[in-house]
Amino acid sequence: MSLTPSAKLVGTIFQPDTLDMKPTRDGYGAGLVEAAEADPNVVALCADLSESTRSDAFASAFPDRFFECGVAEQNMACVAAGLAVSGKIPFIASYAAFSPGRNWEQIRTTIAYNNANAKVMGHHAGISVGPDGATHQMTEDIALMRAMPNMTVVVPCDAEEARKAVRAAAHAVGPWYIRFAREKSSVFTTSATPFIPGKAQIFWEAHKPQVALIACGTAVYACLLAARLLERDGIASMVVNCHTVKPLDEKKIADILGKCGAAVTAEEHQVIGGLGGAIAELAARTCPVPIEFVGMQGSFGESGTPAELMAKYGMDSAAVVRAAKKALSRK
């Protein structure tokens, strides 16, 4: 099944029944090895979660450049800062609930404050962690890291874009935070799909779009599904992959808001402080339009299957459709 030909699909594959399914964390493992092959200064640190974070491929390929820090996330951040100011390019990996959840102060003081060239990789983010429950379902990390000076924040939409984001982080200078999910999700971009840090991408654009669906992470795919459903209801939309939450592609997003006149933001994160907050702040300054926010509405999660949780907490394609119609009603 594909979207109807009255709209333009850009840089993606949209055949839901045939797509590969991989977690975005797989892209971290692949991208990290590629980055290390290209640059001998790339090193990796992990907090006793090398298999879960896919750091184990790097550890096998480059054992002399891998540092197992144990369950000591604060120490891991400080060691990474020291490696960074010494000329290395350290990637630190743990669950987002622990990094940046547990070591935020060390990231702030030793990495961001010094503008050290260290890369923080937050895994198992969002409620799609599923049965692990609320303690491990980190839904506040984008807000924590977006507020931090000097920090670039990237949320890849699929495993292929995650691989590219890791490669880009290795080339960039300065602190980065990249967010990954545990659950398998559709791989709908390709090796040819551009990835430019700080540049939002239009993945779907109907003729004369009435509402912009602006998303990051796996919510981008939910928005593509929602775009098809909206078109069946006679509503033209635009789907925007805003993988870089900070720095936001302000000019492009402002132009999109002006063109559509209404928007929905979608993310597997609290609606406060994440992508939705960033878009709302921009809209308030440049182009006020009705915006609805799809995400966690100020609550913690619970144990359940990823699909059950996404439906219950209103972060699936049906929720995006409802939000789009509500935003349009406020035009």
C-alpha atoms as a PDB file:
ATOM      1  CA  MET A   1       0.000   0.000   0.000  1.00  0.00           C
ATOM      2  CA  SER A   2       1.297   3.436  -0.870  1.00  0.00           C
ATOM      3  CA  LEU A   3       0.158   6.999  -0.543  1.00  0.00           C
ATOM      4  CA  THR A   4      -1.989   8.308  -3.372  1.00  0.00           C
ATOM      5  CA  PRO A   5      -0.268  10.067  -6.299  1.00  0.00           C
ATOM      6  CA  SER A   6      -1.839  13.458  -5.565  1.00  0.00           C
ATOM      7  CA  ALA A   7       0.961  14.173  -3.083  1.00  0.00           C
ATOM      8  CA  LYS A   8       4.731  14.060  -3.191  1.00  0.00           C
ATOM      9  CA  LEU A   9       6.729  11.515  -1.194  1.00  0.00           C
ATOM     10  CA  VAL A  10      10.361  12.564  -0.832  1.00  0.00           C
ATOM     11  CA  GLY A  11      13.428  10.506   0.066  1.00  0.00           C
ATOM     12  CA  THR A  12      11.567   7.651   1.689  1.00  0.00           C
ATOM     13  CA  ILE A  13      10.037   4.252   1.023  1.00  0.00           C
ATOM     14  CA  PHE A  14       6.392   4.045   2.028  1.00  0.00           C
ATOM     15  CA  GLN A  15       5.226   0.478   1.632  1.00  0.00           C
ATOM     16  CA  PRO A  16       4.167  -0.468   5.166  1.00  0.00           C
ATOM     17  CA  ASP A  17       3.669  -4.147   4.417  1.00  0.00           C
ATOM     18  CA  THR A  18       7.186  -4.726   3.089  1.00  0.00           C
ATOM     19  CA  LEU A  19       9.478  -2.502   5.146  1.00  0.00           C
ATOM     20  CA  ASP A  20      12.318  -3.890   7.248  1.00  0.00           C
ATOM     21  CA  MET A  21      11.870  -3.527  10.987  1.00  0.00           C
ATOM     22  CA  LYS A  22      14.870  -2.561  13.109  1.00  0.00           C
ATOM     23  CA  PRO A  23      15.323  -0.587  16.328  1.00  0.00           C
ATOM     24  CA  THR A  24      17.088   2.734  15.933  1.00  0.00           C
ATOM     25  CA  ARG A  25      19.728   1.483  18.385  1.00  0.00           C
ATOM     26  CA  ASP A  26      20.928  -0.841  15.592  1.00  0.00           C
ATOM     27  CA  GLY A  27      21.882   2.265  13.659  1.00  0.00           C
ATOM     28  CA  TYR A  28      24.065   3.335  16.568  1.00  0.00           C
ATOM     29  CA  GLY A  29      26.029   0.091  16.497  1.00  0.00           C
ATOM     30  CA  ALA A  30      26.586   0.242  12.740  1.00  0.00           C
ATOM     31  CA  GLY A  31      27.373   3.949  12.621  1.00  0.00           C
ATOM     32  CA  LEU A  32      29.814   3.767  15.519  1.00  0.00           C
ATOM     33  CA  VAL A  33      31.895   1.061  13.842  1.00  0.00           C
ATOM     34  CA  GLU A  34      31.905   3.024  10.580  1.00  0.00           C
ATOM     35  CA  ALA A  35      32.950   6.193  12.383  1.00  0.00           C
ATOM     36  CA  ALA A  36      35.769   4.338  14.137  1.00  0.00           C
ATOM     37  CA  GLU A  37      37.002   2.860  10.855  1.00  0.00           C
ATOM     38  CA  ALA A  38      37.169   6.372   9.405  1.00  0.00           C
ATOM     39  CA  ASP A  39      38.806   8.078  12.399  1.00  0.00           C
ATOM     40  CA  PRO A  40      41.212   6.439  14.891  1.00  0.00           C
ATOM     41  CA  ASN A  41      40.316   9.063  17.503  1.00  0.00           C
ATOM     42  CA  VAL A  42      36.791   7.678  17.901  1.00  0.00           C
ATOM     43  CA  VAL A  43      36.469   5.777  21.185  1.00  0.00           C
ATOM     44  CA  ALA A  44      33.469   4.295  22.974  1.00  0.00           C
ATOM     45  CA  LEU A  45      32.433   4.029  26.601  1.00  0.00           C
ATOM     46  CA  CYS A  46      29.544   2.053  28.055  1.00  0.00           C
ATOM     47  CA  ALA A  47      27.927   1.623  31.453  1.00  0.00           C
ATOM     48  CA  ASP A  48      27.552  -2.171  31.595  1.00  0.00           C
ATOM     49  CA  LEU A  49      25.000  -2.261  28.748  1.00  0.00           C
ATOM     50  CA  SER A  50      27.121  -2.982  25.697  1.00  0.00           C
ATOM     51  CA  GLU A  51      24.740  -5.517  24.152  1.00  0.00           C
ATOM     52  CA  SER A  52      21.572  -3.512  24.793  1.00  0.00           C
ATOM     53  CA  THR A  53      23.098  -0.318  23.419  1.00  0.00           C
ATOM     54  CA  ARG A  54      24.740  -2.135  20.487  1.00  0.00           C
ATOM     55  CA  SER A  55      28.163  -1.001  21.673  1.00  0.00           C
ATOM     56  CA  ASP A  56      29.302  -4.619  21.574  1.00  0.00           C
ATOM     57  CA  ALA A  57      30.095  -4.474  17.839  1.00  0.00           C
ATOM     58  CA  PHE A  58      32.550  -1.652  18.495  1.00  0.00           C
ATOM     59  CA  ALA A  59      34.040  -3.499  21.475  1.00  0.00           C
ATOM     60  CA  SER A  60      34.694  -6.541  19.299  1.00  0.00           C
ATOM     61  CA  ALA A  61      36.162  -4.567  16.420  1.00  0.00           C
ATOM     62  CA  PHE A  62      38.211  -2.101  18.474  1.00  0.00           C
ATOM     63  CA  PRO A  63      38.858  -3.592  21.934  1.00  0.00           C
ATOM     64  CA  ASP A  64      41.715  -1.190  22.649  1.00  0.00           C
ATOM     65  CA  ARG A  65      39.392   1.782  22.078  1.00  0.00           C
ATOM     66  CA  PHE A  66      36.485   0.525  24.176  1.00  0.00           C
ATOM     67  CA  PHE A  67      36.106   1.414  27.865  1.00  0.00           C
ATOM     68  CA  GLU A  68      33.660  -0.501  30.051  1.00  0.00           C
ATOM     69  CA  CYS A  69      32.848   1.862  32.909  1.00  0.00           C
ATOM     70  CA  GLY A  70      30.448  -0.372  34.785  1.00  0.00           C
ATOM     71  CA  VAL A  71      27.314   0.939  36.475  1.00  0.00           C
ATOM     72  CA  ALA A  72      28.857   4.373  36.995  1.00  0.00           C
ATOM     73  CA  GLU A  73      27.248   6.791  34.567  1.00  0.00           C
ATOM     74  CA  GLN A  74      28.524   9.917  36.327  1.00  0.00           C
ATOM     75  CA  ASN A  75      32.082   8.638  36.126  1.00  0.00           C
ATOM     76  CA  MET A  76      31.577   7.694  32.474  1.00  0.00           C
ATOM     77  CA  ALA A  77      30.619  11.272  31.577  1.00  0.00           C
ATOM     78  CA  CYS A  78      33.659  12.696  33.355  1.00  0.00           C
ATOM     79  CA  VAL A  79      36.022  10.197  31.715  1.00  0.00           C
ATOM     80  CA  ALA A  80      34.528  11.103  28.333  1.00  0.00           C
ATOM     81  CA  ALA A  81      35.117  14.792  28.988  1.00  0.00           C
ATOM     82  CA  GLY A  82      38.770  14.089  29.779  1.00  0.00           C
ATOM     83  CA  LEU A  83      39.174  12.013  26.628  1.00  0.00           C
ATOM     84  CA  ALA A  84      37.519  14.743  24.575  1.00  0.00           C
ATOM     85  CA  VAL A  85      39.763  17.557  25.758  1.00  0.00           C
ATOM     86  CA  SER A  86      42.704  15.242  25.090  1.00  0.00           C
ATOM     87  CA  GLY A  87      41.827  14.964  21.412  1.00  0.00           C
ATOM     88  CA  LYS A  88      39.687  11.825  21.338  1.00  0.00           C
ATOM     89  CA  ILE A  89      36.074  11.640  20.130  1.00  0.00           C
ATOM     90  CA  PRO A  90      34.267   9.694  22.864  1.00  0.00           C
ATOM     91  CA  PHE A  91      30.786   8.218  22.516  1.00  0.00           C
ATOM     92  CA  ILE A  92      29.137   7.289  25.806  1.00  0.00           C
ATOM     93  CA  ALA A  93      26.191   4.891  25.826  1.00  0.00           C
ATOM     94  CA  SER A  94      23.608   3.877  28.390  1.00  0.00           C
ATOM     95  CA  TYR A  95      19.846   3.915  28.796  1.00  0.00           C
ATOM     96  CA  ALA A  96      18.505   7.452  28.570  1.00  0.00           C
ATOM     97  CA  ALA A  97      16.997   7.004  32.035  1.00  0.00           C
ATOM     98  CA  PHE A  98      20.573   6.846  33.341  1.00  0.00           C
ATOM     99  CA  SER A  99      22.439   8.981  30.798  1.00  0.00           C
ATOM    100  CA  PRO A 100      21.434  11.802  30.815  1.00  0.00           C
ATOM    101  CA  GLY A 101      18.916  10.886  33.514  1.00  0.00           C
ATOM    102  CA  ARG A 102      21.416  10.070  36.251  1.00  0.00           C
ATOM    103  CA  ASN A 103      24.522  11.957  35.104  1.00  0.00           C
ATOM    104  CA  TRP A 104      22.993  15.194  33.831  1.00  0.00           C
ATOM    105  CA  GLU A 105      25.073  17.349  36.199  1.00  0.00           C
ATOM    106  CA  GLN A 106      28.324  15.720  35.090  1.00  0.00           C
ATOM    107  CA  ILE A 107      27.361  16.128  31.427  1.00  0.00           C
ATOM    108  CA  ARG A 108      26.548  19.773  32.113  1.00  0.00           C
ATOM    109  CA  THR A 109      29.685  20.629  34.071  1.00  0.00           C
ATOM    110  CA  THR A 110      32.384  18.518  32.438  1.00  0.00           C
ATOM    111  CA  ILE A 111      31.127  18.200  28.859  1.00  0.00           C
ATOM    112  CA  ALA A 112      28.779  21.061  27.924  1.00  0.00           C
ATOM    113  CA  TYR A 113      30.379  23.764  30.078  1.00  0.00           C
ATOM    114  CA  ASN A 114      33.769  22.978  28.549  1.00  0.00           C
ATOM    115  CA  ASN A 115      32.240  22.556  25.080  1.00  0.00           C
ATOM    116  CA  ALA A 116      34.051  19.220  25.033  1.00  0.00           C
ATOM    117  CA  ASN A 117      33.799  17.107  21.906  1.00  0.00           C
ATOM    118  CA  ALA A 118      31.925  14.250  23.598  1.00  0.00           C
ATOM    119  CA  LYS A 119      28.838  12.487  22.291  1.00  0.00           C
ATOM    120  CA  VAL A 120      26.075  11.283  24.641  1.00  0.00           C
ATOM    121  CA  MET A 121      23.984   8.391  23.328  1.00  0.00           C
ATOM    122  CA  GLY A 122      20.664   7.896  25.134  1.00  0.00           C
ATOM    123  CA  HIS A 123      19.173   4.446  24.493  1.00  0.00           C
ATOM    124  CA  HIS A 124      15.816   2.811  25.300  1.00  0.00           C
ATOM    125  CA  ALA A 125      14.102   6.212  25.339  1.00  0.00           C
ATOM    126  CA  GLY A 126      10.344   6.731  25.312  1.00  0.00           C
ATOM    127  CA  ILE A 127       7.478   4.505  26.429  1.00  0.00           C
ATOM    128  CA  SER A 128       8.078   1.972  23.657  1.00  0.00           C
ATOM    129  CA  VAL A 129      10.549   0.378  26.084  1.00  0.00           C
ATOM    130  CA  GLY A 130       7.326  -1.364  27.069  1.00  0.00           C
ATOM    131  CA  PRO A 131       7.301  -3.902  29.924  1.00  0.00           C
ATOM    132  CA  ASP A 132      10.252  -2.272  31.726  1.00  0.00           C
ATOM    133  CA  GLY A 133       7.778   0.318  32.983  1.00  0.00           C
ATOM    134  CA  ALA A 134       7.868   3.958  33.984  1.00  0.00           C
ATOM    135  CA  THR A 135      11.297   3.941  35.676  1.00  0.00           C
ATOM    136  CA  HIS A 136      12.975   3.022  32.397  1.00  0.00           C
ATOM    137  CA  GLN A 137      10.655   4.891  30.035  1.00  0.00           C
ATOM    138  CA  MET A 138      12.611   8.131  29.761  1.00  0.00           C
ATOM    139  CA  THR A 139      10.326  10.831  28.382  1.00  0.00           C
ATOM    140  CA  GLU A 140      12.068  13.943  29.696  1.00  0.00           C
ATOM    141  CA  ASP A 141      15.530  13.648  28.139  1.00  0.00           C
ATOM    142  CA  ILE A 142      15.013  15.905  25.116  1.00  0.00           C
ATOM    143  CA  ALA A 143      13.940  18.713  27.445  1.00  0.00           C
ATOM    144  CA  LEU A 144      16.933  18.113  29.717  1.00  0.00           C
ATOM    145  CA  MET A 145      19.415  18.222  26.870  1.00  0.00           C
ATOM    146  CA  ARG A 146      17.751  20.915  24.766  1.00  0.00           C
ATOM    147  CA  ALA A 147      18.058  23.355  27.659  1.00  0.00           C
ATOM    148  CA  MET A 148      21.798  22.713  27.960  1.00  0.00           C
ATOM    149  CA  PRO A 149      24.085  25.301  26.307  1.00  0.00           C
ATOM    150  CA  ASN A 150      26.398  24.039  23.534  1.00  0.00           C
ATOM    151  CA  MET A 151      24.430  20.789  23.140  1.00  0.00           C
ATOM    152  CA  THR A 152      23.170  19.545  19.756  1.00  0.00           C
ATOM    153  CA  VAL A 153      20.112  17.281  20.096  1.00  0.00           C
ATOM    154  CA  VAL A 154      19.206  14.739  17.389  1.00  0.00           C
ATOM    155  CA  VAL A 155      16.374  12.186  17.340  1.00  0.00           C
ATOM    156  CA  PRO A 156      16.670   9.880  14.292  1.00  0.00           C
ATOM    157  CA  CYS A 157      13.501   8.636  12.618  1.00  0.00           C
ATOM    158  CA  ASP A 158      14.737   5.111  11.824  1.00  0.00           C
ATOM    159  CA  ALA A 159      17.791   2.850  12.031  1.00  0.00           C
ATOM    160  CA  GLU A 160      19.268   4.097   8.760  1.00  0.00           C
ATOM    161  CA  GLU A 161      19.035   7.736   9.807  1.00  0.00           C
ATOM    162  CA  ALA A 162      20.479   6.775  13.202  1.00  0.00           C
ATOM    163  CA  ARG A 163      23.540   5.340  11.460  1.00  0.00           C
ATOM    164  CA  LYS A 164      23.997   8.599   9.560  1.00  0.00           C
ATOM    165  CA  ALA A 165      23.480  10.680  12.698  1.00  0.00           C
ATOM    166  CA  VAL A 166      26.278   8.833  14.508  1.00  0.00           C
ATOM    167  CA  ARG A 167      28.612   9.371  11.566  1.00  0.00           C
ATOM    168  CA  ALA A 168      27.683  13.068  11.533  1.00  0.00           C
ATOM    169  CA  ALA A 169      28.307  13.379  15.281  1.00  0.00           C
ATOM    170  CA  ALA A 170      31.797  11.946  14.844  1.00  0.00           C
ATOM    171  CA  HIS A 171      32.575  14.579  12.211  1.00  0.00           C
ATOM    172  CA  ALA A 172      31.050  17.488  14.145  1.00  0.00           C
ATOM    173  CA  VAL A 173      32.880  19.388  16.854  1.00  0.00           C
ATOM    174  CA  GLY A 174      31.174  19.871  20.197  1.00  0.00           C
ATOM    175  CA  PRO A 175      28.734  18.034  22.486  1.00  0.00           C
ATOM    176  CA  TRP A 176      25.912  16.008  20.943  1.00  0.00           C
ATOM    177  CA  TYR A 177      22.980  14.059  22.313  1.00  0.00           C
ATOM    178  CA  ILE A 178      21.397  11.374  20.118  1.00  0.00           C
ATOM    179  CA  ARG A 179      18.289   9.505  21.242  1.00  0.00           C
ATOM    180  CA  PHE A 180      17.550   5.869  20.355  1.00  0.00           C
ATOM    181  CA  ALA A 181      14.660   3.464  20.879  1.00  0.00           C
ATOM    182  CA  ARG A 182      14.680  -0.214  21.832  1.00  0.00           C
ATOM    183  CA  GLU A 183      11.594  -1.386  19.949  1.00  0.00           C
ATOM    184  CA  LYS A 184      11.814  -2.342  16.290  1.00  0.00           C
ATOM    185  CA  SER A 185      10.336   0.238  13.942  1.00  0.00           C
ATOM    186  CA  SER A 186       9.946   0.637  10.191  1.00  0.00           C
ATOM    187  CA  VAL A 187      13.066   1.521   8.196  1.00  0.00           C
ATOM    188  CA  PHE A 188      11.613   3.847   5.595  1.00  0.00           C
ATOM    189  CA  THR A 189      14.608   6.001   4.646  1.00  0.00           C
ATOM    190  CA  THR A 190      17.409   4.729   2.440  1.00  0.00           C
ATOM    191  CA  SER A 191      21.152   5.183   2.133  1.00  0.00           C
ATOM    192  CA  ALA A 192      20.377   7.874  -0.467  1.00  0.00           C
ATOM    193  CA  THR A 193      18.087   9.886   1.821  1.00  0.00           C
ATOM    194  CA  PRO A 194      19.964  13.056   2.795  1.00  0.00           C
ATOM    195  CA  PHE A 195      20.823  13.686   6.422  1.00  0.00           C
ATOM    196  CA  ILE A 196      22.102  17.165   7.222  1.00  0.00           C
ATOM    197  CA  PRO A 197      22.303  18.120  10.909  1.00  0.00           C
ATOM    198  CA  GLY A 198      20.161  21.146  11.665  1.00  0.00           C
ATOM    199  CA  LYS A 199      18.084  20.807   8.486  1.00  0.00           C
ATOM    200  CA  ALA A 200      14.470  19.669   8.657  1.00  0.00           C
ATOM    201  CA  GLN A 201      13.208  17.475   5.807  1.00  0.00           C
ATOM    202  CA  ILE A 202       9.833  17.429   4.100  1.00  0.00           C
ATOM    203  CA  PHE A 203       9.018  13.755   3.580  1.00  0.00           C
ATOM    204  CA  TRP A 204       5.470  14.181   2.320  1.00  0.00           C
ATOM    205  CA  GLU A 205       3.696  17.168   0.824  1.00  0.00           C
ATOM    206  CA  ALA A 206       0.156  17.203  -0.493  1.00  0.00           C
ATOM    207  CA  HIS A 207      -1.085  19.881  -2.883  1.00  0.00           C
ATOM    208  CA  LYS A 208      -1.926  23.020  -0.880  1.00  0.00           C
ATOM    209  CA  PRO A 209      -1.271  21.478   2.559  1.00  0.00           C
ATOM    210  CA  GLN A 210      -3.604  22.606   5.311  1.00  0.00           C
ATOM    211  CA  VAL A 211      -1.681  21.243   8.292  1.00  0.00           C
ATOM    212  CA  ALA A 212       1.960  20.449   8.989  1.00  0.00           C
ATOM    213  CA  LEU A 213       2.791  17.238  10.855  1.00  0.00           C
ATOM    214  CA  ILE A 214       6.193  17.945  12.412  1.00  0.00           C
ATOM    215  CA  ALA A 215       7.842  15.020  14.163  1.00  0.00           C
ATOM    216  CA  CYS A 216      11.068  13.472  15.361  1.00  0.00           C
ATOM    217  CA  GLY A 217      12.075   9.881  16.000  1.00  0.00           C
ATOM    218  CA  THR A 218       9.717   7.040  15.183  1.00  0.00           C
ATOM    219  CA  ALA A 219       6.798   9.487  15.365  1.00  0.00           C
ATOM    220  CA  VAL A 220       7.767  10.560  11.831  1.00  0.00           C
ATOM    221  CA  TYR A 221       6.498   7.251  10.499  1.00  0.00           C
ATOM    222  CA  ALA A 222       3.282   7.609  12.505  1.00  0.00           C
ATOM    223  CA  CYS A 223       2.820  10.970  10.784  1.00  0.00           C
ATOM    224  CA  LEU A 224       3.271   9.402   7.351  1.00  0.00           C
ATOM    225  CA  LEU A 225       0.568   6.891   8.220  1.00  0.00           C
ATOM    226  CA  ALA A 226      -1.606   9.741   9.483  1.00  0.00           C
ATOM    227  CA  ALA A 227      -1.060  11.708   6.262  1.00  0.00           C
ATOM    228  CA  ARG A 228      -2.589   8.850   4.282  1.00  0.00           C
ATOM    229  CA  LEU A 229      -5.575   8.701   6.622  1.00  0.00           C
ATOM    230  CA  LEU A 230      -6.064  12.460   6.460  1.00  0.00           C
ATOM    231  CA  GLU A 231      -5.964  12.434   2.683  1.00  0.00           C
ATOM    232  CA  ARG A 232      -8.758   9.872   2.645  1.00  0.00           C
ATOM    233  CA  ASP A 233     -10.768  12.409   4.658  1.00  0.00           C
ATOM    234  CA  GLY A 234      -9.944  15.158   2.178  1.00  0.00           C
ATOM    235  CA  ILE A 235      -7.353  16.869   4.357  1.00  0.00           C
ATOM    236  CA  ALA A 236      -4.060  17.816   2.725  1.00  0.00           C
ATOM    237  CA  SER A 237      -0.998  17.634   4.947  1.00  0.00           C
ATOM    238  CA  MET A 238       2.764  17.949   5.029  1.00  0.00           C
ATOM    239  CA  VAL A 239       5.052  15.605   6.994  1.00  0.00           C
ATOM    240  CA  VAL A 240       8.284  17.107   8.308  1.00  0.00           C
ATOM    241  CA  ASN A 241      11.153  15.080   9.742  1.00  0.00           C
ATOM    242  CA  CYS A 242      12.636  17.414  12.351  1.00  0.00           C
ATOM    243  CA  HIS A 243      15.442  15.088  13.410  1.00  0.00           C
ATOM    244  CA  THR A 244      17.515  17.946  14.818  1.00  0.00           C
ATOM    245  CA  VAL A 245      15.563  19.368  17.729  1.00  0.00           C
ATOM    246  CA  LYS A 246      18.456  21.689  18.557  1.00  0.00           C
ATOM    247  CA  PRO A 247      19.542  23.742  16.706  1.00  0.00           C
ATOM    248  CA  LEU A 248      16.119  23.932  15.130  1.00  0.00           C
ATOM    249  CA  ASP A 249      15.859  24.701  11.416  1.00  0.00           C
ATOM    250  CA  GLU A 250      14.039  27.899  12.275  1.00  0.00           C
ATOM    251  CA  LYS A 251      13.663  29.486   8.850  1.00  0.00           C
ATOM    252  CA  LYS A 252      12.329  26.355   7.193  1.00  0.00           C
ATOM    253  CA  ILE A 253       9.958  25.511  10.037  1.00  0.00           C
ATOM    254  CA  ALA A 254       8.652  29.087  10.139  1.00  0.00           C
ATOM    255  CA  ASP A 255       8.053  28.980   6.381  1.00  0.00           C
ATOM    256  CA  ILE A 256       6.180  25.674   6.769  1.00  0.00           C
ATOM    257  CA  LEU A 257       4.011  27.054   9.563  1.00  0.00           C
ATOM    258  CA  GLY A 258       3.175  30.068   7.425  1.00  0.00           C
ATOM    259  CA  LYS A 259       2.371  27.921   4.401  1.00  0.00           C
ATOM    260  CA  CYS A 260       0.112  25.466   6.241  1.00  0.00           C
ATOM    261  CA  GLY A 261      -1.430  27.731   8.856  1.00  0.00           C
ATOM    262  CA  ALA A 262      -1.792  24.921  11.411  1.00  0.00           C
ATOM    263  CA  ALA A 263       0.487  22.261  12.835  1.00  0.00           C
ATOM    264  CA  VAL A 264       0.807  19.115  14.900  1.00  0.00           C
ATOM    265  CA  THR A 265       4.012  18.138  16.655  1.00  0.00           C
ATOM    266  CA  ALA A 266       4.607  14.468  17.425  1.00  0.00           C
ATOM    267  CA  GLU A 267       7.243  12.849  19.610  1.00  0.00           C
ATOM    268  CA  GLU A 268       7.657   9.970  22.049  1.00  0.00           C
ATOM    269  CA  HIS A 269       8.407  12.424  24.839  1.00  0.00           C
ATOM    270  CA  GLN A 270       6.649  14.760  27.211  1.00  0.00           C
ATOM    271  CA  VAL A 271       4.858  17.531  25.325  1.00  0.00           C
ATOM    272  CA  ILE A 272       6.574  19.975  27.682  1.00  0.00           C
ATOM    273  CA  GLY A 273      10.116  20.922  26.737  1.00  0.00           C
ATOM    274  CA  GLY A 274      10.675  18.659  23.757  1.00  0.00           C
ATOM    275  CA  LEU A 275      10.131  19.142  20.035  1.00  0.00           C
ATOM    276  CA  GLY A 276       6.660  20.541  20.639  1.00  0.00           C
ATOM    277  CA  GLY A 277       8.029  23.146  22.996  1.00  0.00           C
ATOM    278  CA  ALA A 278      10.723  24.120  20.505  1.00  0.00           C
ATOM    279  CA  ILE A 279       8.188  24.522  17.685  1.00  0.00           C
ATOM    280  CA  ALA A 280       5.801  26.489  19.907  1.00  0.00           C
ATOM    281  CA  GLU A 281       8.579  28.851  20.974  1.00  0.00           C
ATOM    282  CA  LEU A 282       9.486  29.451  17.344  1.00  0.00           C
ATOM    283  CA  ALA A 283       5.856  29.966  16.339  1.00  0.00           C
ATOM    284  CA  ALA A 284       5.329  32.496  19.120  1.00  0.00           C
ATOM    285  CA  ARG A 285       8.259  34.545  17.816  1.00  0.00           C
ATOM    286  CA  THR A 286       7.720  34.240  14.091  1.00  0.00           C
ATOM    287  CA  CYS A 287       4.393  32.809  12.928  1.00  0.00           C
ATOM    288  CA  PRO A 288       1.667  32.137  15.519  1.00  0.00           C
ATOM    289  CA  VAL A 289      -0.631  29.355  14.274  1.00  0.00           C
ATOM    290  CA  PRO A 290      -2.818  26.740  15.982  1.00  0.00           C
ATOM    291  CA  ILE A 291      -0.625  23.846  17.161  1.00  0.00           C
ATOM    292  CA  GLU A 292      -1.618  20.561  18.769  1.00  0.00           C
ATOM    293  CA  PHE A 293       0.921  18.431  20.623  1.00  0.00           C
ATOM    294  CA  VAL A 294       1.117  14.641  20.367  1.00  0.00           C
ATOM    295  CA  GLY A 295       3.234  13.079  23.101  1.00  0.00           C
ATOM    296  CA  MET A 296       3.115  12.249  26.786  1.00  0.00           C
ATOM    297  CA  GLN A 297       0.648  14.630  28.370  1.00  0.00           C
ATOM    298  CA  GLY A 298       2.349  15.164  31.706  1.00  0.00           C
ATOM    299  CA  SER A 299       2.164  11.609  33.009  1.00  0.00           C
ATOM    300  CA  PHE A 300       4.487   8.679  33.578  1.00  0.00           C
ATOM    301  CA  GLY A 301       4.107   5.476  31.602  1.00  0.00           C
ATOM    302  CA  GLU A 302       3.449   1.930  32.775  1.00  0.00           C
ATOM    303  CA  SER A 303       4.226  -1.632  31.778  1.00  0.00           C
ATOM    304  CA  GLY A 304       2.658  -2.959  28.601  1.00  0.00           C
ATOM    305  CA  THR A 305       3.463  -3.782  25.014  1.00  0.00           C
ATOM    306  CA  PRO A 306       4.788  -0.872  22.959  1.00  0.00           C
ATOM    307  CA  ALA A 307       1.687  -0.848  20.732  1.00  0.00           C
ATOM    308  CA  GLU A 308      -0.664  -0.844  23.727  1.00  0.00           C
ATOM    309  CA  LEU A 309       1.197   2.019  25.357  1.00  0.00           C
ATOM    310  CA  MET A 310       1.432   4.134  22.212  1.00  0.00           C
ATOM    311  CA  ALA A 311      -2.328   3.813  21.716  1.00  0.00           C
ATOM    312  CA  LYS A 312      -3.214   4.404  25.372  1.00  0.00           C
ATOM    313  CA  TYR A 313      -1.067   7.508  25.707  1.00  0.00           C
ATOM    314  CA  GLY A 314      -2.074   8.938  22.333  1.00  0.00           C
ATOM    315  CA  MET A 315       1.080   8.699  20.258  1.00  0.00           C
ATOM    316  CA  ASP A 316       0.019   6.523  17.323  1.00  0.00           C
ATOM    317  CA  SER A 317      -1.164   7.550  13.848  1.00  0.00           C
ATOM    318  CA  ALA A 318      -4.789   7.758  15.009  1.00  0.00           C
ATOM    319  CA  ALA A 319      -3.765  10.292  17.651  1.00  0.00           C
ATOM    320  CA  VAL A 320      -1.976  12.370  15.015  1.00  0.00           C
ATOM    321  CA  VAL A 321      -5.126  12.381  12.864  1.00  0.00           C
ATOM    322  CA  ARG A 322      -7.234  13.564  15.801  1.00  0.00           C
ATOM    323  CA  ALA A 323      -4.717  16.283  16.631  1.00  0.00           C
ATOM    324  CA  ALA A 324      -4.574  17.467  13.004  1.00  0.00           C
ATOM    325  CA  LYS A 325      -8.352  17.812  12.839  1.00  0.00           C
ATOM    326  CA  LYS A 326      -8.376  19.685  16.131  1.00  0.00           C
ATOM    327  CA  ALA A 327      -5.667  22.084  14.946  1.00  0.00           C
ATOM    328  CA  LEU A 328      -7.597  22.704  11.731  1.00  0.00           C
ATOM    329  CA  SER A 329     -10.761  23.453  13.721  1.00  0.00           C
ATOM    330  CA  ARG A 330      -8.867  26.279  15.430  1.00  0.00           C
ATOM    331  CA  LYS A 331      -7.712  27.959  12.220  1.00  0.00           C
END
